[in-house]
Amino acid sequence: MITTLFYILSAITLATAFLTIFSKNPIHSAIYLVLCFFSIAGHYLMFNAQFLAIVHVIVYSGAIMILMLFTIMLMNLNKEDEKNKSVLTQIAAVIAFCLVAFVLLATFVKAQPQLEYVTSGKDFQSIKILGQVLLNEYMVPFEFASVLLLVSMIGAVLLSKKEHINN
């Protein structure tokens, strides 16, 4: 029963992730991404991580998706208004993608599992311990993530502003 549920959730997660990437309509992509987030929350529930599943649904499916939908609506993505990208821009995008993929692959290859948390006996399901770990050991990445979200919101607003020509 558990294995079947795992395979069903995995299939839903992979299908909605691919639909998010390959969908032509940005609103449909956002909806598929919400479905993907819910199926990932189902995986967390299978791991008996109820708090993480609820926080995942609230933060990602709620707040982040609202920000993404506002960004999509502010950018007014019309195919008629979109200009074709130059060859130089396309080459730069491919090079940037390859560099990011290389860094991620190198990070995953060199990553070693940390066994100290497994053997320490701490209960990471406890909200108190999770808060202490987040706000003590991981305070800087936590704040970087919040600044990154703020900058992306400001960037979306600035990109969506229309330039007025004064005659």
N, C-alpha and C. Protein backbone atom coordinates (compact mmCIF):
# COMPACT_ATOMS: atom_id res chain seq x y z
N MET A 1 0.83 -1.20 0.00
CA MET A 1 0.00 0.00 0.00
C MET A 1 0.87 1.26 0.00
N ILE A 2 1.87 1.31 0.89
CA ILE A 2 2.76 2.49 0.98
C ILE A 2 3.57 2.64 -0.32
N THR A 3 4.05 1.53 -0.83
CA THR A 3 4.84 1.58 -2.06
C THR A 3 3.99 2.07 -3.23
N THR A 4 2.77 1.61 -3.32
CA THR A 4 1.88 2.06 -4.38
C THR A 4 1.60 3.55 -4.27
N LEU A 5 1.34 4.00 -3.05
CA LEU A 5 1.11 5.44 -2.83
C LEU A 5 2.34 6.26 -3.20
N PHE A 6 3.53 5.74 -2.84
CA PHE A 6 4.77 6.43 -3.20
C PHE A 6 4.92 6.55 -4.71
N TYR A 7 4.64 5.48 -5.44
CA TYR A 7 4.76 5.52 -6.90
C TYR A 7 3.73 6.45 -7.52
N ILE A 8 2.53 6.48 -6.98
CA ILE A 8 1.50 7.39 -7.50
C ILE A 8 1.91 8.84 -7.26
N LEU A 9 2.37 9.15 -6.04
CA LEU A 9 2.81 10.52 -5.75
C LEU A 9 4.02 10.90 -6.60
N SER A 10 4.93 9.96 -6.81
CA SER A 10 6.11 10.24 -7.63
C SER A 10 5.72 10.52 -9.07
N ALA A 11 4.78 9.74 -9.58
CA ALA A 11 4.33 9.96 -10.96
C ALA A 11 3.65 11.32 -11.09
N ILE A 12 2.83 11.67 -10.10
CA ILE A 12 2.17 12.99 -10.13
C ILE A 12 3.21 14.10 -10.05
N THR A 13 4.20 13.94 -9.17
CA THR A 13 5.25 14.96 -9.03
C THR A 13 6.02 15.14 -10.32
N LEU A 14 6.46 14.04 -10.92
CA LEU A 14 7.23 14.15 -12.16
C LEU A 14 6.39 14.69 -13.31
N ALA A 15 5.15 14.23 -13.42
CA ALA A 15 4.29 14.70 -14.52
C ALA A 15 4.02 16.20 -14.40
N THR A 16 3.67 16.66 -13.21
CA THR A 16 3.37 18.09 -13.05
C THR A 16 4.63 18.94 -13.17
N ALA A 17 5.79 18.39 -12.78
CA ALA A 17 7.04 19.14 -12.95
C ALA A 17 7.36 19.32 -14.43
N PHE A 18 7.20 18.25 -15.22
CA PHE A 18 7.44 18.37 -16.65
C PHE A 18 6.40 19.27 -17.32
N LEU A 19 5.15 19.19 -16.90
CA LEU A 19 4.13 20.08 -17.44
C LEU A 19 4.42 21.53 -17.09
N THR A 20 4.98 21.77 -15.90
CA THR A 20 5.36 23.14 -15.52
C THR A 20 6.40 23.69 -16.47
N ILE A 21 7.36 22.86 -16.81
CA ILE A 21 8.46 23.32 -17.67
C ILE A 21 8.00 23.49 -19.12
N PHE A 22 7.23 22.55 -19.64
CA PHE A 22 6.91 22.54 -21.06
C PHE A 22 5.60 23.21 -21.43
N SER A 23 4.86 23.73 -20.47
CA SER A 23 3.60 24.40 -20.78
C SER A 23 3.88 25.76 -21.41
N LYS A 24 3.13 26.07 -22.45
CA LYS A 24 3.30 27.36 -23.15
C LYS A 24 2.66 28.51 -22.38
N ASN A 25 1.58 28.23 -21.66
CA ASN A 25 0.85 29.26 -20.93
C ASN A 25 1.45 29.40 -19.53
N PRO A 26 1.91 30.60 -19.14
CA PRO A 26 2.53 30.75 -17.81
C PRO A 26 1.57 30.52 -16.65
N ILE A 27 0.30 30.81 -16.84
CA ILE A 27 -0.67 30.55 -15.76
C ILE A 27 -0.84 29.05 -15.56
N HIS A 28 -0.89 28.30 -16.66
CA HIS A 28 -0.98 26.84 -16.53
C HIS A 28 0.27 26.29 -15.87
N SER A 29 1.42 26.85 -16.18
CA SER A 29 2.67 26.42 -15.54
C SER A 29 2.60 26.64 -14.04
N ALA A 30 2.06 27.77 -13.62
CA ALA A 30 1.94 28.05 -12.19
C ALA A 30 0.98 27.06 -11.51
N ILE A 31 -0.10 26.71 -12.18
CA ILE A 31 -1.05 25.75 -11.60
C ILE A 31 -0.41 24.37 -11.49
N TYR A 32 0.33 23.96 -12.53
CA TYR A 32 1.03 22.68 -12.46
C TYR A 32 2.07 22.68 -11.34
N LEU A 33 2.71 23.82 -11.12
CA LEU A 33 3.70 23.91 -10.05
C LEU A 33 3.04 23.77 -8.68
N VAL A 34 1.85 24.33 -8.51
CA VAL A 34 1.12 24.16 -7.25
C VAL A 34 0.79 22.68 -7.03
N LEU A 35 0.34 22.00 -8.09
CA LEU A 35 0.06 20.57 -7.96
C LEU A 35 1.32 19.78 -7.61
N CYS A 36 2.43 20.18 -8.18
CA CYS A 36 3.71 19.53 -7.86
C CYS A 36 4.06 19.75 -6.39
N PHE A 37 3.84 20.97 -5.88
CA PHE A 37 4.12 21.26 -4.47
C PHE A 37 3.24 20.41 -3.56
N PHE A 38 1.97 20.24 -3.92
CA PHE A 38 1.09 19.41 -3.09
C PHE A 38 1.53 17.95 -3.09
N SER A 39 1.98 17.46 -4.23
CA SER A 39 2.42 16.06 -4.25
C SER A 39 3.73 15.89 -3.47
N ILE A 40 4.58 16.89 -3.47
CA ILE A 40 5.79 16.83 -2.63
C ILE A 40 5.40 16.86 -1.16
N ALA A 41 4.39 17.63 -0.81
CA ALA A 41 3.89 17.62 0.57
C ALA A 41 3.37 16.23 0.94
N GLY A 42 2.78 15.53 -0.02
CA GLY A 42 2.36 14.16 0.22
C GLY A 42 3.53 13.25 0.53
N HIS A 43 4.65 13.49 -0.14
CA HIS A 43 5.87 12.73 0.17
C HIS A 43 6.33 13.01 1.60
N TYR A 44 6.27 14.27 2.01
CA TYR A 44 6.65 14.61 3.38
C TYR A 44 5.75 13.90 4.39
N LEU A 45 4.47 13.82 4.07
CA LEU A 45 3.55 13.12 4.97
C LEU A 45 3.89 11.63 5.06
N MET A 46 4.34 11.07 3.95
CA MET A 46 4.74 9.67 3.98
C MET A 46 5.98 9.45 4.84
N PHE A 47 6.83 10.48 4.94
CA PHE A 47 8.02 10.39 5.80
C PHE A 47 7.71 10.74 7.25
N ASN A 48 6.43 10.92 7.55
CA ASN A 48 5.97 11.27 8.90
C ASN A 48 6.52 12.63 9.35
N ALA A 49 6.60 13.56 8.40
CA ALA A 49 7.05 14.91 8.68
C ALA A 49 5.86 15.85 8.46
N GLN A 50 4.89 15.80 9.38
CA GLN A 50 3.66 16.55 9.20
C GLN A 50 3.90 18.06 9.23
N PHE A 51 4.75 18.51 10.14
CA PHE A 51 5.03 19.95 10.24
C PHE A 51 5.66 20.47 8.95
N LEU A 52 6.61 19.72 8.42
CA LEU A 52 7.26 20.13 7.18
C LEU A 52 6.27 20.15 6.02
N ALA A 53 5.36 19.19 5.98
CA ALA A 53 4.35 19.16 4.92
C ALA A 53 3.43 20.37 4.99
N ILE A 54 2.99 20.72 6.19
CA ILE A 54 2.09 21.87 6.35
C ILE A 54 2.81 23.17 6.01
N VAL A 55 4.04 23.32 6.48
CA VAL A 55 4.81 24.53 6.18
C VAL A 55 5.07 24.61 4.67
N HIS A 56 5.35 23.48 4.06
CA HIS A 56 5.59 23.45 2.62
C HIS A 56 4.35 23.93 1.86
N VAL A 57 3.19 23.46 2.26
CA VAL A 57 1.96 23.86 1.58
C VAL A 57 1.69 25.35 1.82
N ILE A 58 1.87 25.80 3.05
CA ILE A 58 1.58 27.21 3.36
C ILE A 58 2.56 28.13 2.65
N VAL A 59 3.85 27.83 2.77
CA VAL A 59 4.86 28.75 2.23
C VAL A 59 4.93 28.66 0.71
N TYR A 60 5.12 27.47 0.17
CA TYR A 60 5.31 27.37 -1.27
C TYR A 60 4.00 27.48 -2.04
N SER A 61 3.04 26.67 -1.70
CA SER A 61 1.80 26.70 -2.47
C SER A 61 1.01 27.97 -2.21
N GLY A 62 1.20 28.57 -1.06
CA GLY A 62 0.50 29.80 -0.74
C GLY A 62 1.27 31.02 -1.16
N ALA A 63 2.26 31.38 -0.38
CA ALA A 63 2.95 32.66 -0.55
C ALA A 63 3.75 32.75 -1.84
N ILE A 64 4.58 31.77 -2.11
CA ILE A 64 5.45 31.86 -3.28
C ILE A 64 4.64 31.83 -4.58
N MET A 65 3.61 31.01 -4.63
CA MET A 65 2.81 30.95 -5.85
C MET A 65 2.01 32.23 -6.06
N ILE A 66 1.57 32.86 -4.99
CA ILE A 66 0.88 34.15 -5.13
C ILE A 66 1.86 35.17 -5.72
N LEU A 67 3.10 35.19 -5.22
CA LEU A 67 4.10 36.10 -5.76
C LEU A 67 4.37 35.81 -7.23
N MET A 68 4.46 34.52 -7.58
CA MET A 68 4.71 34.17 -8.98
C MET A 68 3.55 34.60 -9.87
N LEU A 69 2.32 34.40 -9.42
CA LEU A 69 1.17 34.80 -10.23
C LEU A 69 1.11 36.31 -10.40
N PHE A 70 1.42 37.05 -9.33
CA PHE A 70 1.47 38.51 -9.47
C PHE A 70 2.55 38.92 -10.45
N THR A 71 3.70 38.25 -10.39
CA THR A 71 4.78 38.56 -11.32
C THR A 71 4.37 38.28 -12.75
N ILE A 72 3.72 37.15 -12.97
CA ILE A 72 3.27 36.80 -14.32
C ILE A 72 2.25 37.84 -14.82
N MET A 73 1.33 38.23 -13.94
CA MET A 73 0.33 39.21 -14.35
C MET A 73 0.95 40.58 -14.59
N LEU A 74 1.94 40.97 -13.77
CA LEU A 74 2.57 42.27 -13.95
C LEU A 74 3.41 42.34 -15.22
N MET A 75 4.02 41.22 -15.58
CA MET A 75 4.90 41.24 -16.75
C MET A 75 4.12 41.27 -18.06
N ASN A 76 2.83 40.90 -18.02
CA ASN A 76 1.97 40.96 -19.21
C ASN A 76 2.64 40.27 -20.39
N LEU A 77 2.79 38.97 -20.28
CA LEU A 77 3.51 38.19 -21.29
C LEU A 77 2.62 37.95 -22.52
N ASN A 78 2.76 38.78 -23.49
CA ASN A 78 2.05 38.61 -24.76
C ASN A 78 3.05 38.21 -25.82
N LYS A 79 2.69 37.24 -26.64
CA LYS A 79 3.61 36.81 -27.69
C LYS A 79 3.77 37.89 -28.76
N GLU A 80 2.74 38.72 -28.95
CA GLU A 80 2.83 39.76 -29.97
C GLU A 80 3.87 40.82 -29.59
N ASP A 81 3.98 41.10 -28.29
CA ASP A 81 4.89 42.14 -27.85
C ASP A 81 6.32 41.63 -27.65
N GLU A 82 6.49 40.33 -27.62
CA GLU A 82 7.81 39.75 -27.33
C GLU A 82 8.71 39.86 -28.55
N LYS A 83 9.89 40.37 -28.31
CA LYS A 83 10.87 40.47 -29.38
C LYS A 83 11.70 39.19 -29.41
N ASN A 84 12.19 38.86 -30.60
CA ASN A 84 13.06 37.71 -30.72
C ASN A 84 14.41 38.01 -30.09
N LYS A 85 14.94 37.04 -29.40
CA LYS A 85 16.25 37.22 -28.76
C LYS A 85 17.34 37.05 -29.80
N SER A 86 18.41 37.82 -29.63
CA SER A 86 19.51 37.71 -30.57
C SER A 86 20.27 36.41 -30.33
N VAL A 87 21.08 36.04 -31.31
CA VAL A 87 21.87 34.80 -31.21
C VAL A 87 22.84 34.91 -30.06
N LEU A 88 23.41 36.08 -29.84
CA LEU A 88 24.37 36.28 -28.75
C LEU A 88 23.70 36.06 -27.39
N THR A 89 22.47 36.53 -27.24
CA THR A 89 21.72 36.32 -26.00
C THR A 89 21.43 34.85 -25.79
N GLN A 90 21.07 34.14 -26.84
CA GLN A 90 20.79 32.71 -26.72
C GLN A 90 22.05 31.93 -26.35
N ILE A 91 23.18 32.28 -26.94
CA ILE A 91 24.44 31.61 -26.61
C ILE A 91 24.83 31.90 -25.17
N ALA A 92 24.65 33.14 -24.74
CA ALA A 92 24.97 33.48 -23.34
C ALA A 92 24.07 32.71 -22.38
N ALA A 93 22.80 32.52 -22.73
CA ALA A 93 21.89 31.76 -21.87
C ALA A 93 22.32 30.30 -21.79
N VAL A 94 22.72 29.72 -22.90
CA VAL A 94 23.17 28.32 -22.91
C VAL A 94 24.44 28.16 -22.08
N ILE A 95 25.37 29.10 -22.21
CA ILE A 95 26.61 29.04 -21.43
C ILE A 95 26.32 29.19 -19.95
N ALA A 96 25.44 30.10 -19.59
CA ALA A 96 25.08 30.28 -18.18
C ALA A 96 24.42 29.03 -17.63
N PHE A 97 23.53 28.42 -18.41
CA PHE A 97 22.89 27.18 -17.98
C PHE A 97 23.91 26.08 -17.77
N CYS A 98 24.84 25.93 -18.70
CA CYS A 98 25.87 24.88 -18.57
C CYS A 98 26.74 25.12 -17.34
N LEU A 99 27.10 26.36 -17.06
CA LEU A 99 27.91 26.65 -15.88
C LEU A 99 27.16 26.33 -14.59
N VAL A 100 25.90 26.71 -14.52
CA VAL A 100 25.10 26.40 -13.32
C VAL A 100 24.92 24.90 -13.16
N ALA A 101 24.67 24.19 -14.26
CA ALA A 101 24.52 22.74 -14.20
C ALA A 101 25.83 22.08 -13.75
N PHE A 102 26.96 22.58 -14.24
CA PHE A 102 28.26 22.03 -13.83
C PHE A 102 28.50 22.24 -12.34
N VAL A 103 28.19 23.43 -11.85
CA VAL A 103 28.38 23.71 -10.41
C VAL A 103 27.47 22.82 -9.57
N LEU A 104 26.22 22.66 -9.98
CA LEU A 104 25.30 21.79 -9.23
C LEU A 104 25.77 20.34 -9.24
N LEU A 105 26.20 19.86 -10.40
CA LEU A 105 26.69 18.48 -10.47
C LEU A 105 27.93 18.28 -9.61
N ALA A 106 28.86 19.24 -9.64
CA ALA A 106 30.06 19.14 -8.81
C ALA A 106 29.71 19.16 -7.33
N THR A 107 28.70 19.97 -6.97
CA THR A 107 28.27 20.04 -5.57
C THR A 107 27.67 18.71 -5.13
N PHE A 108 26.83 18.13 -5.97
CA PHE A 108 26.19 16.86 -5.61
C PHE A 108 27.19 15.71 -5.56
N VAL A 109 28.19 15.73 -6.44
CA VAL A 109 29.19 14.66 -6.44
C VAL A 109 30.04 14.72 -5.18
N LYS A 110 30.41 15.93 -4.76
CA LYS A 110 31.29 16.07 -3.60
C LYS A 110 30.55 16.06 -2.27
N ALA A 111 29.23 16.10 -2.32
CA ALA A 111 28.46 16.16 -1.08
C ALA A 111 28.57 14.84 -0.33
N GLN A 112 28.78 14.93 0.96
CA GLN A 112 28.85 13.77 1.83
C GLN A 112 27.70 13.85 2.81
N PRO A 113 27.05 12.74 3.09
CA PRO A 113 25.96 12.80 4.08
C PRO A 113 26.51 13.09 5.47
N GLN A 114 25.78 13.91 6.20
CA GLN A 114 26.19 14.26 7.56
C GLN A 114 25.54 13.29 8.52
N LEU A 115 26.35 12.44 9.09
CA LEU A 115 25.83 11.43 9.99
C LEU A 115 25.71 11.91 11.42
N GLU A 116 26.27 13.09 11.73
CA GLU A 116 26.22 13.57 13.10
C GLU A 116 24.80 13.87 13.55
N TYR A 117 23.95 14.35 12.62
CA TYR A 117 22.58 14.63 13.00
C TYR A 117 21.78 13.36 13.23
N VAL A 118 22.12 12.32 12.50
CA VAL A 118 21.41 11.05 12.65
C VAL A 118 21.73 10.42 13.99
N THR A 119 22.99 10.51 14.40
CA THR A 119 23.40 9.86 15.64
C THR A 119 23.29 10.77 16.86
N SER A 120 22.93 12.04 16.66
CA SER A 120 22.91 12.96 17.81
C SER A 120 21.70 12.74 18.71
N GLY A 121 20.66 12.11 18.22
CA GLY A 121 19.49 11.84 19.03
C GLY A 121 18.51 13.00 19.10
N LYS A 122 18.76 14.07 18.34
CA LYS A 122 17.83 15.20 18.34
C LYS A 122 16.58 14.84 17.55
N ASP A 123 15.47 15.35 18.01
CA ASP A 123 14.21 15.14 17.32
C ASP A 123 13.93 16.36 16.45
N PHE A 124 14.19 16.26 15.15
CA PHE A 124 14.00 17.40 14.28
C PHE A 124 12.54 17.61 13.90
N GLN A 125 11.63 16.77 14.40
CA GLN A 125 10.21 17.02 14.23
C GLN A 125 9.74 18.08 15.22
N SER A 126 10.50 18.31 16.26
CA SER A 126 10.13 19.31 17.25
C SER A 126 10.27 20.71 16.66
N ILE A 127 9.24 21.50 16.81
CA ILE A 127 9.25 22.85 16.25
C ILE A 127 10.29 23.70 16.96
N LYS A 128 10.48 23.49 18.25
CA LYS A 128 11.46 24.27 19.01
C LYS A 128 12.88 24.02 18.49
N ILE A 129 13.23 22.76 18.28
CA ILE A 129 14.58 22.44 17.79
C ILE A 129 14.74 22.91 16.35
N LEU A 130 13.70 22.77 15.54
CA LEU A 130 13.76 23.24 14.16
C LEU A 130 13.97 24.75 14.11
N GLY A 131 13.28 25.49 14.96
CA GLY A 131 13.47 26.94 15.03
C GLY A 131 14.87 27.32 15.48
N GLN A 132 15.41 26.60 16.46
CA GLN A 132 16.77 26.87 16.92
C GLN A 132 17.79 26.61 15.81
N VAL A 133 17.61 25.52 15.08
CA VAL A 133 18.54 25.20 14.00
C VAL A 133 18.44 26.24 12.89
N LEU A 134 17.20 26.61 12.51
CA LEU A 134 17.01 27.58 11.43
C LEU A 134 17.56 28.96 11.79
N LEU A 135 17.31 29.39 13.00
CA LEU A 135 17.66 30.77 13.36
C LEU A 135 19.03 30.89 14.02
N ASN A 136 19.72 29.78 14.24
CA ASN A 136 21.08 29.84 14.76
C ASN A 136 22.09 29.41 13.71
N GLU A 137 22.02 28.15 13.29
CA GLU A 137 23.00 27.61 12.37
C GLU A 137 22.79 28.11 10.94
N TYR A 138 21.54 28.29 10.53
CA TYR A 138 21.24 28.65 9.15
C TYR A 138 20.63 30.03 9.03
N MET A 139 21.04 30.95 9.90
CA MET A 139 20.46 32.29 9.89
C MET A 139 20.82 33.05 8.61
N VAL A 140 22.07 32.99 8.18
CA VAL A 140 22.50 33.74 7.00
C VAL A 140 21.82 33.23 5.73
N PRO A 141 21.78 31.91 5.45
CA PRO A 141 21.04 31.48 4.26
C PRO A 141 19.55 31.81 4.33
N PHE A 142 18.98 31.77 5.53
CA PHE A 142 17.58 32.10 5.72
C PHE A 142 17.34 33.56 5.33
N GLU A 143 18.21 34.45 5.76
CA GLU A 143 18.08 35.87 5.41
C GLU A 143 18.39 36.12 3.94
N PHE A 144 19.37 35.38 3.37
CA PHE A 144 19.65 35.52 1.94
C PHE A 144 18.43 35.16 1.10
N ALA A 145 17.71 34.13 1.51
CA ALA A 145 16.50 33.72 0.78
C ALA A 145 15.45 34.83 0.84
N SER A 146 15.31 35.48 1.99
CA SER A 146 14.31 36.55 2.09
C SER A 146 14.71 37.76 1.25
N VAL A 147 16.00 38.09 1.22
CA VAL A 147 16.46 39.21 0.41
C VAL A 147 16.30 38.87 -1.08
N LEU A 148 16.56 37.63 -1.45
CA LEU A 148 16.40 37.20 -2.84
C LEU A 148 14.95 37.34 -3.29
N LEU A 149 14.00 36.95 -2.43
CA LEU A 149 12.59 37.11 -2.77
C LEU A 149 12.21 38.58 -2.91
N LEU A 150 12.74 39.43 -2.02
CA LEU A 150 12.45 40.86 -2.10
C LEU A 150 12.99 41.46 -3.39
N VAL A 151 14.22 41.10 -3.75
CA VAL A 151 14.83 41.63 -4.97
C VAL A 151 14.08 41.15 -6.20
N SER A 152 13.62 39.89 -6.20
CA SER A 152 12.87 39.39 -7.35
C SER A 152 11.54 40.11 -7.50
N MET A 153 10.89 40.43 -6.38
CA MET A 153 9.64 41.19 -6.45
C MET A 153 9.88 42.59 -7.01
N ILE A 154 10.92 43.25 -6.53
CA ILE A 154 11.24 44.60 -7.02
C ILE A 154 11.58 44.54 -8.51
N GLY A 155 12.35 43.52 -8.91
CA GLY A 155 12.70 43.36 -10.32
C GLY A 155 11.49 43.15 -11.20
N ALA A 156 10.53 42.37 -10.72
CA ALA A 156 9.31 42.13 -11.50
C ALA A 156 8.52 43.42 -11.67
N VAL A 157 8.44 44.22 -10.63
CA VAL A 157 7.71 45.49 -10.72
C VAL A 157 8.42 46.43 -11.68
N LEU A 158 9.75 46.50 -11.60
CA LEU A 158 10.49 47.39 -12.49
C LEU A 158 10.41 46.94 -13.94
N LEU A 159 10.40 45.63 -14.17
CA LEU A 159 10.28 45.13 -15.54
C LEU A 159 8.90 45.40 -16.13
N SER A 160 7.91 45.43 -15.28
CA SER A 160 6.55 45.59 -15.79
C SER A 160 6.16 47.05 -15.99
N LYS A 161 6.96 47.98 -15.46
CA LYS A 161 6.62 49.39 -15.64
C LYS A 161 6.73 49.78 -17.10
N LYS A 162 5.76 50.51 -17.54
CA LYS A 162 5.76 51.00 -18.91
C LYS A 162 6.43 52.37 -18.93
N GLU A 163 7.25 52.59 -19.95
CA GLU A 163 7.90 53.89 -20.10
C GLU A 163 6.96 54.85 -20.81
N HIS A 164 6.75 56.00 -20.21
CA HIS A 164 5.88 57.01 -20.80
C HIS A 164 6.75 58.00 -21.57
N ILE A 165 6.35 58.27 -22.81
CA ILE A 165 7.10 59.22 -23.65
C ILE A 165 6.38 60.56 -23.55
N ASN A 166 7.12 61.55 -23.09
CA ASN A 166 6.56 62.90 -22.97
C ASN A 166 6.77 63.64 -24.27
N ASN A 167 5.70 64.14 -24.84
CA ASN A 167 5.81 64.91 -26.10
C ASN A 167 5.70 66.37 -25.82
